[in-house]
Each structure stands twice: as structure tokens, then as C-alpha cells.
Amino acid sequence: MLPHCPYHAQIDFFRAARDTFLESQGLLDLQEFEVRREILDRQKAVAIEELVYREDMTMMWSGLGRIVNVAIDYFRLLSLVRGSDNWTTEYDRLTSINILQFAMEAYTTFGKVTKLWAEAQYAAAGKALADGMFPERQAKEGNLDWPALPYQPVHQGEEVAGYVWGAINAFTGVKSTDNLAGCISESETLLLDFRAVDESLMKRSNEDVVQGLAHLAATYKSLSSYVAGCSDQTKQQVQMVEARLVATDEAKILANLAEHKNHVELTLAKMKMQASLHDFPEWG
């Protein structure tokens, strides 16, 4: 089994509560801050993995360069968010809360949150906490000019197109020039398959990794049905992907996992980073 964080439930709970709170309170600057901090956190994780599991000198220097850049970006981000009016705005709101009303809302919210937690719906429990304790939605406010994010807004079909493009490139070495976002059919169904694979792999247990890889193989084998409306060239490339798939079993997967555990750790960290950057082709 890969090393597993014992606090995933608490992390999911906290993130859902935080995001719901910031949205309901209209704290635009703090929302922008969290998006950028998440990207830096993922980049930092990859840098640490590269330094710890350095497979060669190139990886070590990559990790060093990445960690220095991340440290600089953290400093700039924290320096910028300190100037936000959101801090004083929310402080004024919190200090003017009616204590009796707040206590009553806390009492009714506690039961809902406890029930959801017992059902292992940790993110839903976090959202219920924020909604219950702060039911009044505030107008959106922000006074900072934020630098552009390292990605553009994602349009319909672009995410799954990136995953398919990445698969084609990884298996065949070919860079598809087709408009995959426009020609892949039932893109939402295919996208759910890729996300299910990601969810299984990130759970990190032997059973979940085996299940995730089996699901990924099945998804790759079904790609032809999704690219029926694409060019003949893309159809041929997908057939090459399907032809490269080899049968495997749980014992072989676990043996490879044990032998290459450090490399798998680094790969999972990179997948999280690429997801935060919306670099879907690299994730694929």
C-alpha cells in the first residue's frame, strides 16, 4: 500500500466548509487567494517528491528550481492578500453577530453535520456546517487586482479532450491535431470514467489502485466508440492505443507497485499538480 494520509476525511470536511463559507460571504479576494495557493501547494508537493525520490540529477535540479520558484510565489501571494479589505469586512461581520441566534443555529446545525459525518459524507458535512452557521448570503466584495491564472476558462469537452490527447501521445508518441473537444461523443460519460479512475488511484490502497487501473484499461479499450465522429487519423491513433494495452492481473500490478513505489508517489503528485493547473493533456 502507498503511504496514506489518515486525515483525508477532515481535509475534505475543512475544504468544503471553507469554500462554502467564502462563497456565501462574498469574499472574492480570499477565494482568489485559495485558488492560487492550491496551485502552489501542488507544485510544492511535486518539488519535495522530486528532491526526496530523485531518480537522477535532472530530477534533483528540477526539484530545487521548482521549490525556489514556489517559495518566491508564496511570498508574493501572501504579500498581496494582506492588502485585501476582506479581512476587516469579515471581522466586522463576525463581531456583530447576535450570540443567541448564533447559538441556536449552531445547535440545529450540529445534528445535520453529525448525521452526514456518520454517513461518511465528509464534504457534504463541511458544506452543511458553513451553510448552517452562516445562512445569510453577502454581496461579493474584493479590492485587489489579481494576476491572471495560468490557465484559461475550461469550455465544454476540453477536459476530456485533453485526457484523450494525452493518452494518444503517451502510447503512440503522436501529437493529435484533431479537434477532439468537438468530435468526441458522450464526452460527459467519458469524463466521469476518467474522474473515477483518478478517485480510485488517489485513495492509494492496493485494492483501489488495482480497481483504478482496471477501470482505466476498460476506458482505453472503449475509446473507439467515443471517437467515431473524429477524423480517420484519430480513429487510427485510438486503435493504436487499444492495441498497446496488455492483459495484467492483481499480483503483477502489486509487484510493480512495490518495486516502483517512489515513482508512483511522484506520478500521483504530478497528477494533482496538473489537475490544479488544468493541464489535462499532461494528466492524460
Foldseek 3Di string as FASTA:
>chain_A
DFDADPCPLVVLLQVLLVVLLCQQAQAVLVVVLVLVVLLLVLLLLLLVLLCVVVPDVVSPVVSVVSNVVSVVVVVVSVVQSVPKPSVVVVVVVVVPDDVVVLVVLQVVLVVVLVVCVVVVVRSVSSNSNNCSNCVHGHHHDIDGDDDDALDDDDDQQPLLLLQLQLLLCVQPVDRDPWPRSPQFPPSVVLVVLLVQLLVLVNNPDLVSPQVSVVSVLVSLLCRLVRRVRIDPVSNVSSVSSNVPDDDDDSVVVVVVCVVCVSVSSSLNSVLSSCVSSSSNNNND
